[in-house]
PDB file of N, CA and C in Angstrom:
ATOM      1  N   MET A   1     -22.006 -20.311 -42.101  1.00  0.00           N
ATOM      2  CA  MET A   1     -21.809 -20.336 -40.679  1.00  0.00           C
ATOM      3  C   MET A   1     -22.186 -18.968 -40.124  1.00  0.00           C
ATOM      4  N   GLY A   2     -22.939 -18.968 -39.082  1.00  0.00           N
ATOM      5  CA  GLY A   2     -23.360 -17.704 -38.486  1.00  0.00           C
ATOM      6  C   GLY A   2     -23.687 -17.870 -37.017  1.00  0.00           C
ATOM      7  N   LEU A   3     -23.894 -16.752 -36.395  1.00  0.00           N
ATOM      8  CA  LEU A   3     -24.254 -16.736 -34.980  1.00  0.00           C
ATOM      9  C   LEU A   3     -25.706 -16.320 -34.829  1.00  0.00           C
ATOM     10  N   PRO A   4     -26.422 -16.954 -33.914  1.00  0.00           N
ATOM     11  CA  PRO A   4     -27.778 -16.479 -33.627  1.00  0.00           C
ATOM     12  C   PRO A   4     -27.733 -15.041 -33.113  1.00  0.00           C
ATOM     13  N   GLY A   5     -28.785 -14.312 -33.345  1.00  0.00           N
ATOM     14  CA  GLY A   5     -28.832 -12.896 -32.985  1.00  0.00           C
ATOM     15  C   GLY A   5     -28.550 -12.606 -31.530  1.00  0.00           C
ATOM     16  N   LYS A   6     -28.948 -13.518 -30.663  1.00  0.00           N
ATOM     17  CA  LYS A   6     -28.749 -13.233 -29.237  1.00  0.00           C
ATOM     18  C   LYS A   6     -27.278 -13.326 -28.825  1.00  0.00           C
ATOM     19  N   TYR A   7     -26.414 -13.858 -29.696  1.00  0.00           N
ATOM     20  CA  TYR A   7     -24.999 -13.983 -29.371  1.00  0.00           C
ATOM     21  C   TYR A   7     -24.159 -12.805 -29.852  1.00  0.00           C
ATOM     22  N   PHE A   8     -24.773 -11.884 -30.562  1.00  0.00           N
ATOM     23  CA  PHE A   8     -24.022 -10.712 -30.996  1.00  0.00           C
ATOM     24  C   PHE A   8     -23.758  -9.810 -29.796  1.00  0.00           C
ATOM     25  N   PRO A   9     -22.534  -9.333 -29.671  1.00  0.00           N
ATOM     26  CA  PRO A   9     -22.248  -8.451 -28.530  1.00  0.00           C
ATOM     27  C   PRO A   9     -22.954  -7.115 -28.687  1.00  0.00           C
ATOM     28  N   THR A  10     -23.324  -6.535 -27.580  1.00  0.00           N
ATOM     29  CA  THR A  10     -23.954  -5.223 -27.638  1.00  0.00           C
ATOM     30  C   THR A  10     -22.867  -4.174 -27.824  1.00  0.00           C
ATOM     31  N   VAL A  11     -23.197  -3.154 -28.566  1.00  0.00           N
ATOM     32  CA  VAL A  11     -22.253  -2.072 -28.795  1.00  0.00           C
ATOM     33  C   VAL A  11     -22.295  -1.155 -27.578  1.00  0.00           C
ATOM     34  N   VAL A  12     -21.129  -0.941 -27.009  1.00  0.00           N
ATOM     35  CA  VAL A  12     -21.040  -0.109 -25.819  1.00  0.00           C
ATOM     36  C   VAL A  12     -20.488   1.251 -26.219  1.00  0.00           C
ATOM     37  N   CYS A  13     -21.162   2.275 -25.791  1.00  0.00           N
ATOM     38  CA  CYS A  13     -20.706   3.636 -26.043  1.00  0.00           C
ATOM     39  C   CYS A  13     -19.457   3.908 -25.212  1.00  0.00           C
ATOM     40  N   PHE A  14     -18.560   4.687 -25.739  1.00  0.00           N
ATOM     41  CA  PHE A  14     -17.328   5.027 -25.025  1.00  0.00           C
ATOM     42  C   PHE A  14     -17.627   5.601 -23.646  1.00  0.00           C
ATOM     43  N   TRP A  15     -18.627   6.443 -23.542  1.00  0.00           N
ATOM     44  CA  TRP A  15     -18.918   7.115 -22.272  1.00  0.00           C
ATOM     45  C   TRP A  15     -19.556   6.177 -21.252  1.00  0.00           C
ATOM     46  N   ASP A  16     -20.073   5.022 -21.710  1.00  0.00           N
ATOM     47  CA  ASP A  16     -20.687   4.076 -20.778  1.00  0.00           C
ATOM     48  C   ASP A  16     -19.676   3.482 -19.812  1.00  0.00           C
ATOM     49  N   TRP A  17     -18.443   3.336 -20.237  1.00  0.00           N
ATOM     50  CA  TRP A  17     -17.448   2.723 -19.350  1.00  0.00           C
ATOM     51  C   TRP A  17     -16.835   3.727 -18.387  1.00  0.00           C
ATOM     52  N   LEU A  18     -17.060   5.010 -18.628  1.00  0.00           N
ATOM     53  CA  LEU A  18     -16.491   6.046 -17.771  1.00  0.00           C
ATOM     54  C   LEU A  18     -17.377   6.239 -16.544  1.00  0.00           C
ATOM     55  N   SER A  19     -17.117   5.459 -15.527  1.00  0.00           N
ATOM     56  CA  SER A  19     -17.894   5.509 -14.289  1.00  0.00           C
ATOM     57  C   SER A  19     -16.983   5.946 -13.149  1.00  0.00           C
ATOM     58  N   PRO A  20     -17.560   6.261 -11.992  1.00  0.00           N
ATOM     59  CA  PRO A  20     -16.715   6.638 -10.845  1.00  0.00           C
ATOM     60  C   PRO A  20     -15.671   5.573 -10.518  1.00  0.00           C
ATOM     61  N   ASP A  21     -16.010   4.314 -10.739  1.00  0.00           N
ATOM     62  CA  ASP A  21     -15.065   3.219 -10.491  1.00  0.00           C
ATOM     63  C   ASP A  21     -13.811   3.378 -11.346  1.00  0.00           C
ATOM     64  N   LYS A  22     -13.980   3.752 -12.589  1.00  0.00           N
ATOM     65  CA  LYS A  22     -12.830   3.904 -13.492  1.00  0.00           C
ATOM     66  C   LYS A  22     -11.991   5.118 -13.106  1.00  0.00           C
ATOM     67  N   ILE A  23     -12.647   6.164 -12.626  1.00  0.00           N
ATOM     68  CA  ILE A  23     -11.921   7.347 -12.166  1.00  0.00           C
ATOM     69  C   ILE A  23     -11.054   6.984 -10.960  1.00  0.00           C
ATOM     70  N   VAL A  24     -11.596   6.160 -10.060  1.00  0.00           N
ATOM     71  CA  VAL A  24     -10.827   5.707  -8.895  1.00  0.00           C
ATOM     72  C   VAL A  24      -9.627   4.883  -9.356  1.00  0.00           C
ATOM     73  N   HIS A  25      -9.837   3.973 -10.317  1.00  0.00           N
ATOM     74  CA  HIS A  25      -8.723   3.183 -10.863  1.00  0.00           C
ATOM     75  C   HIS A  25      -7.655   4.114 -11.433  1.00  0.00           C
ATOM     76  N   LEU A  26      -8.077   5.088 -12.207  1.00  0.00           N
ATOM     77  CA  LEU A  26      -7.143   6.011 -12.837  1.00  0.00           C
ATOM     78  C   LEU A  26      -6.333   6.774 -11.791  1.00  0.00           C
ATOM     79  N   ILE A  27      -6.993   7.283 -10.765  1.00  0.00           N
ATOM     80  CA  ILE A  27      -6.295   8.062  -9.737  1.00  0.00           C
ATOM     81  C   ILE A  27      -5.336   7.187  -8.943  1.00  0.00           C
ATOM     82  N   LEU A  28      -5.800   6.008  -8.514  1.00  0.00           N
ATOM     83  CA  LEU A  28      -4.939   5.127  -7.722  1.00  0.00           C
ATOM     84  C   LEU A  28      -3.699   4.703  -8.504  1.00  0.00           C
ATOM     85  N   PHE A  29      -3.879   4.406  -9.779  1.00  0.00           N
ATOM     86  CA  PHE A  29      -2.731   3.975 -10.569  1.00  0.00           C
ATOM     87  C   PHE A  29      -1.893   5.148 -11.068  1.00  0.00           C
ATOM     88  N   ALA A  30      -2.386   6.364 -10.955  1.00  0.00           N
ATOM     89  CA  ALA A  30      -1.541   7.535 -11.216  1.00  0.00           C
ATOM     90  C   ALA A  30      -0.644   7.799 -10.011  1.00  0.00           C
ATOM     91  N   VAL A  31      -1.158   7.501  -8.826  1.00  0.00           N
ATOM     92  CA  VAL A  31      -0.375   7.706  -7.603  1.00  0.00           C
ATOM     93  C   VAL A  31       0.774   6.699  -7.517  1.00  0.00           C
ATOM     94  N   LEU A  32       0.540   5.464  -7.948  1.00  0.00           N
ATOM     95  CA  LEU A  32       1.546   4.401  -7.825  1.00  0.00           C
ATOM     96  C   LEU A  32       2.900   4.775  -8.446  1.00  0.00           C
ATOM     97  N   PRO A  33       2.979   5.152  -9.715  1.00  0.00           N
ATOM     98  CA  PRO A  33       4.299   5.511 -10.260  1.00  0.00           C
ATOM     99  C   PRO A  33       4.840   6.822  -9.688  1.00  0.00           C
ATOM    100  N   CYS A  34       3.943   7.742  -9.305  1.00  0.00           N
ATOM    101  CA  CYS A  34       4.417   8.994  -8.698  1.00  0.00           C
ATOM    102  C   CYS A  34       5.155   8.717  -7.395  1.00  0.00           C
ATOM    103  N   VAL A  35       4.568   7.876  -6.556  1.00  0.00           N
ATOM    104  CA  VAL A  35       5.195   7.548  -5.274  1.00  0.00           C
ATOM    105  C   VAL A  35       6.499   6.784  -5.503  1.00  0.00           C
ATOM    106  N   THR A  36       6.489   5.865  -6.456  1.00  0.00           N
ATOM    107  CA  THR A  36       7.697   5.091  -6.750  1.00  0.00           C
ATOM    108  C   THR A  36       8.800   6.000  -7.288  1.00  0.00           C
ATOM    109  N   LEU A  37       8.464   6.859  -8.222  1.00  0.00           N
ATOM    110  CA  LEU A  37       9.458   7.779  -8.774  1.00  0.00           C
ATOM    111  C   LEU A  37       9.936   8.776  -7.721  1.00  0.00           C
ATOM    112  N   TRP A  38       9.056   9.176  -6.833  1.00  0.00           N
ATOM    113  CA  TRP A  38       9.452  10.085  -5.754  1.00  0.00           C
ATOM    114  C   TRP A  38      10.531   9.429  -4.889  1.00  0.00           C
ATOM    115  N   GLY A  39      10.382   8.140  -4.651  1.00  0.00           N
ATOM    116  CA  GLY A  39      11.379   7.409  -3.881  1.00  0.00           C
ATOM    117  C   GLY A  39      12.730   7.352  -4.577  1.00  0.00           C
ATOM    118  N   TYR A  40      12.719   7.398  -5.890  1.00  0.00           N
ATOM    119  CA  TYR A  40      13.959   7.348  -6.678  1.00  0.00           C
ATOM    120  C   TYR A  40      14.429   8.730  -7.124  1.00  0.00           C
ATOM    121  N   ARG A  41      13.817   9.795  -6.652  1.00  0.00           N
ATOM    122  CA  ARG A  41      14.070  11.121  -7.230  1.00  0.00           C
ATOM    123  C   ARG A  41      15.535  11.541  -7.189  1.00  0.00           C
ATOM    124  N   LYS A  42      16.225  11.314  -6.083  1.00  0.00           N
ATOM    125  CA  LYS A  42      17.640  11.710  -6.021  1.00  0.00           C
ATOM    126  C   LYS A  42      18.477  10.871  -6.976  1.00  0.00           C
ATOM    127  N   HIS A  43      18.160   9.595  -7.043  1.00  0.00           N
ATOM    128  CA  HIS A  43      18.875   8.700  -7.948  1.00  0.00           C
ATOM    129  C   HIS A  43      18.580   9.063  -9.402  1.00  0.00           C
ATOM    130  N   LEU A  44      17.324   9.399  -9.675  1.00  0.00           N
ATOM    131  CA  LEU A  44      16.907   9.711 -11.047  1.00  0.00           C
ATOM    132  C   LEU A  44      17.694  10.871 -11.639  1.00  0.00           C
ATOM    133  N   PHE A  45      17.800  11.941 -10.875  1.00  0.00           N
ATOM    134  CA  PHE A  45      18.350  13.159 -11.453  1.00  0.00           C
ATOM    135  C   PHE A  45      19.853  13.295 -11.247  1.00  0.00           C
ATOM    136  N   ASN A  46      20.474  12.265 -10.677  1.00  0.00           N
ATOM    137  CA  ASN A  46      21.933  12.217 -10.617  1.00  0.00           C
ATOM    138  C   ASN A  46      22.490  11.319 -11.716  1.00  0.00           C
ATOM    139  N   GLN A  47      21.630  10.805 -12.565  1.00  0.00           N
ATOM    140  CA  GLN A  47      22.035   9.889 -13.628  1.00  0.00           C
ATOM    141  C   GLN A  47      21.961  10.593 -14.979  1.00  0.00           C
ATOM    142  N   ASN A  48      22.571   9.954 -15.971  1.00  0.00           N
ATOM    143  CA  ASN A  48      22.481  10.503 -17.321  1.00  0.00           C
ATOM    144  C   ASN A  48      21.082  10.249 -17.891  1.00  0.00           C
ATOM    145  N   TYR A  49      20.807  10.880 -19.007  1.00  0.00           N
ATOM    146  CA  TYR A  49      19.469  10.832 -19.599  1.00  0.00           C
ATOM    147  C   TYR A  49      19.033   9.411 -19.932  1.00  0.00           C
ATOM    148  N   GLN A  50      19.921   8.605 -20.511  1.00  0.00           N
ATOM    149  CA  GLN A  50      19.559   7.242 -20.917  1.00  0.00           C
ATOM    150  C   GLN A  50      19.173   6.386 -19.714  1.00  0.00           C
ATOM    151  N   HIS A  51      19.920   6.482 -18.627  1.00  0.00           N
ATOM    152  CA  HIS A  51      19.611   5.708 -17.426  1.00  0.00           C
ATOM    153  C   HIS A  51      18.292   6.176 -16.810  1.00  0.00           C
ATOM    154  N   ARG A  52      18.089   7.478 -16.791  1.00  0.00           N
ATOM    155  CA  ARG A  52      16.852   8.050 -16.251  1.00  0.00           C
ATOM    156  C   ARG A  52      15.649   7.584 -17.067  1.00  0.00           C
ATOM    157  N   LYS A  53      15.794   7.620 -18.387  1.00  0.00           N
ATOM    158  CA  LYS A  53      14.715   7.188 -19.281  1.00  0.00           C
ATOM    159  C   LYS A  53      14.389   5.712 -19.063  1.00  0.00           C
ATOM    160  N   LYS A  54      15.413   4.890 -18.923  1.00  0.00           N
ATOM    161  CA  LYS A  54      15.216   3.454 -18.710  1.00  0.00           C
ATOM    162  C   LYS A  54      14.467   3.189 -17.398  1.00  0.00           C
ATOM    163  N   LEU A  55      14.825   3.913 -16.351  1.00  0.00           N
ATOM    164  CA  LEU A  55      14.167   3.734 -15.058  1.00  0.00           C
ATOM    165  C   LEU A  55      12.705   4.168 -15.112  1.00  0.00           C
ATOM    166  N   ILE A  56      12.433   5.279 -15.764  1.00  0.00           N
ATOM    167  CA  ILE A  56      11.054   5.768 -15.881  1.00  0.00           C
ATOM    168  C   ILE A  56      10.210   4.791 -16.688  1.00  0.00           C
ATOM    169  N   ILE A  57      10.742   4.273 -17.782  1.00  0.00           N
ATOM    170  CA  ILE A  57      10.004   3.294 -18.590  1.00  0.00           C
ATOM    171  C   ILE A  57       9.763   2.017 -17.793  1.00  0.00           C
ATOM    172  N   THR A  58      10.765   1.572 -17.046  1.00  0.00           N
ATOM    173  CA  THR A  58      10.618   0.359 -16.239  1.00  0.00           C
ATOM    174  C   THR A  58       9.516   0.523 -15.202  1.00  0.00           C
ATOM    175  N   ILE A  59       9.492   1.652 -14.514  1.00  0.00           N
ATOM    176  CA  ILE A  59       8.456   1.891 -13.505  1.00  0.00           C
ATOM    177  C   ILE A  59       7.082   1.985 -14.158  1.00  0.00           C
ATOM    178  N   THR A  60       6.996   2.582 -15.334  1.00  0.00           N
ATOM    179  CA  THR A  60       5.720   2.653 -16.051  1.00  0.00           C
ATOM    180  C   THR A  60       5.228   1.257 -16.415  1.00  0.00           C
ATOM    181  N   VAL A  61       6.101   0.441 -16.969  1.00  0.00           N
ATOM    182  CA  VAL A  61       5.719  -0.924 -17.373  1.00  0.00           C
ATOM    183  C   VAL A  61       5.313  -1.751 -16.157  1.00  0.00           C
ATOM    184  N   ILE A  62       6.066  -1.645 -15.068  1.00  0.00           N
ATOM    185  CA  ILE A  62       5.721  -2.402 -13.861  1.00  0.00           C
ATOM    186  C   ILE A  62       4.357  -1.970 -13.329  1.00  0.00           C
ATOM    187  N   SER A  63       4.066  -0.683 -13.353  1.00  0.00           N
ATOM    188  CA  SER A  63       2.765  -0.192 -12.889  1.00  0.00           C
ATOM    189  C   SER A  63       1.629  -0.736 -13.749  1.00  0.00           C
ATOM    190  N   ILE A  64       1.833  -0.757 -15.060  1.00  0.00           N
ATOM    191  CA  ILE A  64       0.806  -1.278 -15.972  1.00  0.00           C
ATOM    192  C   ILE A  64       0.632  -2.779 -15.773  1.00  0.00           C
ATOM    193  N   LEU A  65       1.739  -3.501 -15.644  1.00  0.00           N
ATOM    194  CA  LEU A  65       1.650  -4.948 -15.405  1.00  0.00           C
ATOM    195  C   LEU A  65       0.956  -5.251 -14.080  1.00  0.00           C
ATOM    196  N   TYR A  66       1.203  -4.435 -13.077  1.00  0.00           N
ATOM    197  CA  TYR A  66       0.537  -4.608 -11.789  1.00  0.00           C
ATOM    198  C   TYR A  66      -0.975  -4.437 -11.944  1.00  0.00           C
ATOM    199  N   GLY A  67      -1.386  -3.477 -12.754  1.00  0.00           N
ATOM    200  CA  GLY A  67      -2.812  -3.298 -13.030  1.00  0.00           C
ATOM    201  C   GLY A  67      -3.406  -4.522 -13.704  1.00  0.00           C
ATOM    202  N   GLY A  68      -2.683  -5.082 -14.675  1.00  0.00           N
ATOM    203  CA  GLY A  68      -3.151  -6.300 -15.338  1.00  0.00           C
ATOM    204  C   GLY A  68      -3.207  -7.480 -14.392  1.00  0.00           C
ATOM    205  N   LEU A  69      -2.206  -7.596 -13.534  1.00  0.00           N
ATOM    206  CA  LEU A  69      -2.177  -8.689 -12.562  1.00  0.00           C
ATOM    207  C   LEU A  69      -3.347  -8.601 -11.590  1.00  0.00           C
ATOM    208  N   THR A  70      -3.661  -7.402 -11.127  1.00  0.00           N
ATOM    209  CA  THR A  70      -4.792  -7.274 -10.202  1.00  0.00           C
ATOM    210  C   THR A  70      -6.102  -7.653 -10.876  1.00  0.00           C
ATOM    211  N   GLU A  71      -6.243  -7.323 -12.149  1.00  0.00           N
ATOM    212  CA  GLU A  71      -7.463  -7.715 -12.861  1.00  0.00           C
ATOM    213  C   GLU A  71      -7.539  -9.232 -13.029  1.00  0.00           C
ATOM    214  N   LEU A  72      -6.424  -9.860 -13.360  1.00  0.00           N
ATOM    215  CA  LEU A  72      -6.420 -11.324 -13.484  1.00  0.00           C
ATOM    216  C   LEU A  72      -6.682 -11.996 -12.143  1.00  0.00           C
ATOM    217  N   MET A  73      -6.156 -11.426 -11.077  1.00  0.00           N
ATOM    218  CA  MET A  73      -6.420 -11.988  -9.753  1.00  0.00           C
ATOM    219  C   MET A  73      -7.892 -11.856  -9.391  1.00  0.00           C
ATOM    220  N   GLN A  74      -8.529 -10.773  -9.826  1.00  0.00           N
ATOM    221  CA  GLN A  74      -9.960 -10.624  -9.569  1.00  0.00           C
ATOM    222  C   GLN A  74     -10.754 -11.699 -10.295  1.00  0.00           C
ATOM    223  N   LYS A  75     -10.268 -12.127 -11.434  1.00  0.00           N
ATOM    224  CA  LYS A  75     -10.976 -13.159 -12.186  1.00  0.00           C
ATOM    225  C   LYS A  75     -10.731 -14.551 -11.616  1.00  0.00           C
ATOM    226  N   TYR A  76      -9.486 -14.848 -11.258  1.00  0.00           N
ATOM    227  CA  TYR A  76      -9.133 -16.222 -10.904  1.00  0.00           C
ATOM    228  C   TYR A  76      -8.935 -16.488  -9.413  1.00  0.00           C
ATOM    229  N   VAL A  77      -8.723 -15.471  -8.603  1.00  0.00           N
ATOM    230  CA  VAL A  77      -8.395 -15.701  -7.197  1.00  0.00           C
ATOM    231  C   VAL A  77      -9.508 -15.240  -6.263  1.00  0.00           C
ATOM    232  N   PHE A  78      -9.927 -14.013  -6.413  1.00  0.00           N
ATOM    233  CA  PHE A  78     -10.881 -13.435  -5.471  1.00  0.00           C
ATOM    234  C   PHE A  78     -12.306 -13.869  -5.777  1.00  0.00           C
ATOM    235  N   ILE A  79     -13.075 -14.073  -4.728  1.00  0.00           N
ATOM    236  CA  ILE A  79     -14.475 -14.491  -4.870  1.00  0.00           C
ATOM    237  C   ILE A  79     -15.347 -13.245  -5.026  1.00  0.00           C
ATOM    238  N   ASN A  80     -16.358 -13.353  -5.867  1.00  0.00           N
ATOM    239  CA  ASN A  80     -17.320 -12.275  -6.131  1.00  0.00           C
ATOM    240  C   ASN A  80     -16.664 -11.016  -6.701  1.00  0.00           C
ATOM    241  N   ARG A  81     -15.607 -11.185  -7.461  1.00  0.00           N
ATOM    242  CA  ARG A  81     -14.964 -10.086  -8.171  1.00  0.00           C
ATOM    243  C   ARG A  81     -14.953 -10.431  -9.653  1.00  0.00           C
ATOM    244  N   TYR A  82     -14.873  -9.430 -10.499  1.00  0.00           N
ATOM    245  CA  TYR A  82     -14.825  -9.714 -11.925  1.00  0.00           C
ATOM    246  C   TYR A  82     -13.697  -8.930 -12.584  1.00  0.00           C
ATOM    247  N   CYS A  83     -13.221  -9.480 -13.656  1.00  0.00           N
ATOM    248  CA  CYS A  83     -12.135  -8.894 -14.436  1.00  0.00           C
ATOM    249  C   CYS A  83     -12.747  -8.013 -15.527  1.00  0.00           C
ATOM    250  N   SER A  84     -12.182  -6.838 -15.711  1.00  0.00           N
ATOM    251  CA  SER A  84     -12.702  -5.936 -16.730  1.00  0.00           C
ATOM    252  C   SER A  84     -11.548  -5.328 -17.519  1.00  0.00           C
ATOM    253  N   ILE A  85     -11.648  -5.410 -18.819  1.00  0.00           N
ATOM    254  CA  ILE A  85     -10.636  -4.799 -19.675  1.00  0.00           C
ATOM    255  C   ILE A  85     -10.644  -3.281 -19.493  1.00  0.00           C
ATOM    256  N   PHE A  86     -11.823  -2.726 -19.206  1.00  0.00           N
ATOM    257  CA  PHE A  86     -11.910  -1.281 -19.012  1.00  0.00           C
ATOM    258  C   PHE A  86     -11.229  -0.855 -17.708  1.00  0.00           C
ATOM    259  N   ASP A  87     -11.298  -1.702 -16.681  1.00  0.00           N
ATOM    260  CA  ASP A  87     -10.547  -1.423 -15.452  1.00  0.00           C
ATOM    261  C   ASP A  87      -9.051  -1.426 -15.748  1.00  0.00           C
ATOM    262  N   PHE A  88      -8.612  -2.412 -16.519  1.00  0.00           N
ATOM    263  CA  PHE A  88      -7.192  -2.479 -16.877  1.00  0.00           C
ATOM    264  C   PHE A  88      -6.777  -1.257 -17.692  1.00  0.00           C
ATOM    265  N   LEU A  89      -7.612  -0.836 -18.632  1.00  0.00           N
ATOM    266  CA  LEU A  89      -7.288   0.350 -19.431  1.00  0.00           C
ATOM    267  C   LEU A  89      -7.209   1.597 -18.552  1.00  0.00           C
ATOM    268  N   ALA A  90      -8.109   1.699 -17.570  1.00  0.00           N
ATOM    269  CA  ALA A  90      -8.054   2.828 -16.635  1.00  0.00           C
ATOM    270  C   ALA A  90      -6.783   2.764 -15.792  1.00  0.00           C
ATOM    271  N   ASP A  91      -6.389   1.546 -15.386  1.00  0.00           N
ATOM    272  CA  ASP A  91      -5.139   1.370 -14.635  1.00  0.00           C
ATOM    273  C   ASP A  91      -3.939   1.814 -15.472  1.00  0.00           C
ATOM    274  N   ALA A  92      -3.898   1.365 -16.717  1.00  0.00           N
ATOM    275  CA  ALA A  92      -2.777   1.698 -17.603  1.00  0.00           C
ATOM    276  C   ALA A  92      -2.732   3.201 -17.887  1.00  0.00           C
ATOM    277  N   LEU A  93      -3.886   3.781 -18.163  1.00  0.00           N
ATOM    278  CA  LEU A  93      -3.940   5.222 -18.416  1.00  0.00           C
ATOM    279  C   LEU A  93      -3.526   5.999 -17.170  1.00  0.00           C
ATOM    280  N   GLY A  94      -3.943   5.529 -16.008  1.00  0.00           N
ATOM    281  CA  GLY A  94      -3.536   6.168 -14.759  1.00  0.00           C
ATOM    282  C   GLY A  94      -2.036   6.092 -14.554  1.00  0.00           C
ATOM    283  N   SER A  95      -1.448   4.938 -14.838  1.00  0.00           N
ATOM    284  CA  SER A  95       0.004   4.778 -14.687  1.00  0.00           C
ATOM    285  C   SER A  95       0.758   5.745 -15.593  1.00  0.00           C
ATOM    286  N   ILE A  96       0.340   5.828 -16.824  1.00  0.00           N
ATOM    287  CA  ILE A  96       0.994   6.729 -17.786  1.00  0.00           C
ATOM    288  C   ILE A  96       0.792   8.186 -17.376  1.00  0.00           C
ATOM    289  N   THR A  97      -0.413   8.515 -16.930  1.00  0.00           N
ATOM    290  CA  THR A  97      -0.703   9.875 -16.474  1.00  0.00           C
ATOM    291  C   THR A  97       0.158  10.246 -15.273  1.00  0.00           C
ATOM    292  N   GLY A  98       0.310   9.316 -14.341  1.00  0.00           N
ATOM    293  CA  GLY A  98       1.136   9.568 -13.164  1.00  0.00           C
ATOM    294  C   GLY A  98       2.584   9.831 -13.520  1.00  0.00           C
ATOM    295  N   VAL A  99       3.121   9.062 -14.449  1.00  0.00           N
ATOM    296  CA  VAL A  99       4.511   9.256 -14.875  1.00  0.00           C
ATOM    297  C   VAL A  99       4.671  10.611 -15.566  1.00  0.00           C
ATOM    298  N   ILE A 100       3.743  10.943 -16.429  1.00  0.00           N
ATOM    299  CA  ILE A 100       3.806  12.238 -17.124  1.00  0.00           C
ATOM    300  C   ILE A 100       3.722  13.382 -16.117  1.00  0.00           C
ATOM    301  N   PHE A 101       2.800  13.269 -15.171  1.00  0.00           N
ATOM    302  CA  PHE A 101       2.643  14.304 -14.146  1.00  0.00           C
ATOM    303  C   PHE A 101       3.931  14.461 -13.335  1.00  0.00           C
ATOM    304  N   PHE A 102       4.492  13.348 -12.887  1.00  0.00           N
ATOM    305  CA  PHE A 102       5.715  13.399 -12.078  1.00  0.00           C
ATOM    306  C   PHE A 102       6.863  14.031 -12.860  1.00  0.00           C
ATOM    307  N   THR A 103       7.083  13.591 -14.087  1.00  0.00           N
ATOM    308  CA  THR A 103       8.207  14.137 -14.860  1.00  0.00           C
ATOM    309  C   THR A 103       8.001  15.624 -15.161  1.00  0.00           C
ATOM    310  N   PHE A 104       6.767  16.025 -15.396  1.00  0.00           N
ATOM    311  CA  PHE A 104       6.474  17.443 -15.638  1.00  0.00           C
ATOM    312  C   PHE A 104       6.819  18.283 -14.408  1.00  0.00           C
ATOM    313  N   ILE A 105       6.374  17.836 -13.238  1.00  0.00           N
ATOM    314  CA  ILE A 105       6.639  18.571 -11.998  1.00  0.00           C
ATOM    315  C   ILE A 105       8.142  18.616 -11.704  1.00  0.00           C
ATOM    316  N   MET A 106       8.820  17.493 -11.866  1.00  0.00           N
ATOM    317  CA  MET A 106      10.254  17.456 -11.568  1.00  0.00           C
ATOM    318  C   MET A 106      11.062  18.302 -12.555  1.00  0.00           C
ATOM    319  N   GLN A 107      10.655  18.337 -13.810  1.00  0.00           N
ATOM    320  CA  GLN A 107      11.358  19.179 -14.781  1.00  0.00           C
ATOM    321  C   GLN A 107      11.200  20.658 -14.435  1.00  0.00           C
ATOM    322  N   LYS A 108      10.001  21.032 -13.982  1.00  0.00           N
ATOM    323  CA  LYS A 108       9.792  22.420 -13.562  1.00  0.00           C
ATOM    324  C   LYS A 108      10.679  22.756 -12.369  1.00  0.00           C
ATOM    325  N   LYS A 109      10.771  21.823 -11.413  1.00  0.00           N
ATOM    326  CA  LYS A 109      11.623  22.054 -10.241  1.00  0.00           C
ATOM    327  C   LYS A 109      13.090  22.160 -10.649  1.00  0.00           C
ATOM    328  N   LEU A 110      13.529  21.297 -11.559  1.00  0.00           N
ATOM    329  CA  LEU A 110      14.923  21.343 -12.009  1.00  0.00           C
ATOM    330  C   LEU A 110      15.242  22.657 -12.713  1.00  0.00           C
ATOM    331  N   LYS A 111      14.327  23.136 -13.545  1.00  0.00           N
ATOM    332  CA  LYS A 111      14.547  24.415 -14.227  1.00  0.00           C
ATOM    333  C   LYS A 111      14.650  25.546 -13.214  1.00  0.00           C
ATOM    334  N   LYS A 112      13.810  25.478 -12.190  1.00  0.00           N
ATOM    335  CA  LYS A 112      13.830  26.500 -11.147  1.00  0.00           C
ATOM    336  C   LYS A 112      15.156  26.463 -10.383  1.00  0.00           C
ATOM    337  N   ILE A 113      15.640  25.263 -10.079  1.00  0.00           N
ATOM    338  CA  ILE A 113      16.912  25.113  -9.371  1.00  0.00           C
ATOM    339  C   ILE A 113      18.065  25.616 -10.237  1.00  0.00           C
ATOM    340  N   LYS A 114      18.074  25.242 -11.517  1.00  0.00           N
ATOM    341  CA  LYS A 114      19.143  25.681 -12.421  1.00  0.00           C
ATOM    342  C   LYS A 114      19.133  27.196 -12.589  1.00  0.00           C
ATOM    343  N   LYS A 115      17.935  27.781 -12.640  1.00  0.00           N
ATOM    344  CA  LYS A 115      17.814  29.224 -12.786  1.00  0.00           C
ATOM    345  C   LYS A 115      18.371  29.939 -11.555  1.00  0.00           C
ATOM    346  N   SER A 116      18.091  29.391 -10.368  1.00  0.00           N
ATOM    347  CA  SER A 116      18.598  30.017  -9.143  1.00  0.00           C
ATOM    348  C   SER A 116      20.112  29.840  -9.021  1.00  0.00           C
ATOM    349  N   ASP A 117      20.667  28.752  -9.558  1.00  0.00           N
ATOM    350  CA  ASP A 117      22.120  28.549  -9.545  1.00  0.00           C
ATOM    351  C   ASP A 117      22.829  29.567 -10.433  1.00  0.00           C
ATOM    352  N   VAL A 118      22.209  29.939 -11.533  1.00  0.00           N
ATOM    353  CA  VAL A 118      22.794  30.910 -12.458  1.00  0.00           C
ATOM    354  C   VAL A 118      22.822  32.293 -11.814  1.00  0.00           C
ATOM    355  N   ASN A 119      21.818  32.612 -11.018  1.00  0.00           N
ATOM    356  CA  ASN A 119      21.713  33.936 -10.404  1.00  0.00           C
ATOM    357  C   ASN A 119      22.660  34.124  -9.220  1.00  0.00           C
ATOM    358  N   ILE A 120      23.301  33.085  -8.768  1.00  0.00           N
ATOM    359  CA  ILE A 120      24.184  33.195  -7.591  1.00  0.00           C
ATOM    360  C   ILE A 120      25.494  33.828  -7.952  1.00  0.00           C
TER     361      ILE A 120
END
C-alpha cells in the first residue's frame, strides 16, 4: 500500500510560517490575557499563591481555547476564511507570552512596593 507521489505533503521550513500575519496573531493574543489579568489585578494579589496560580492558569487556558475557537469558526462559519494550525500556534504562543509578560511586570511592581514599605 502506498501513496502516489503527488499526495506526499511538502516539507515546510519553520521560517516559512513566520509571516506578518502570525506576528499580528501573537501580539493580539498576548494582549488578551494581559488585559484580562489587569482587570483582576487587585483580586489576584490579595489572594494566596494557590488561588492566584489557579486564576492565571484558567485565564491562559481560556485565551488558548479562544484562539482555537476562532480558527474553527474560520473553517466552519466564516466565508472565504481558512483555518490554520500555525495561526492557532501563534495564538497559543501569544497567550502564554502575554501571561508571562504580565506576571513579570506585576512581580517587579510588587517587589518595588514591598521595598518602599520596608523603608518607611
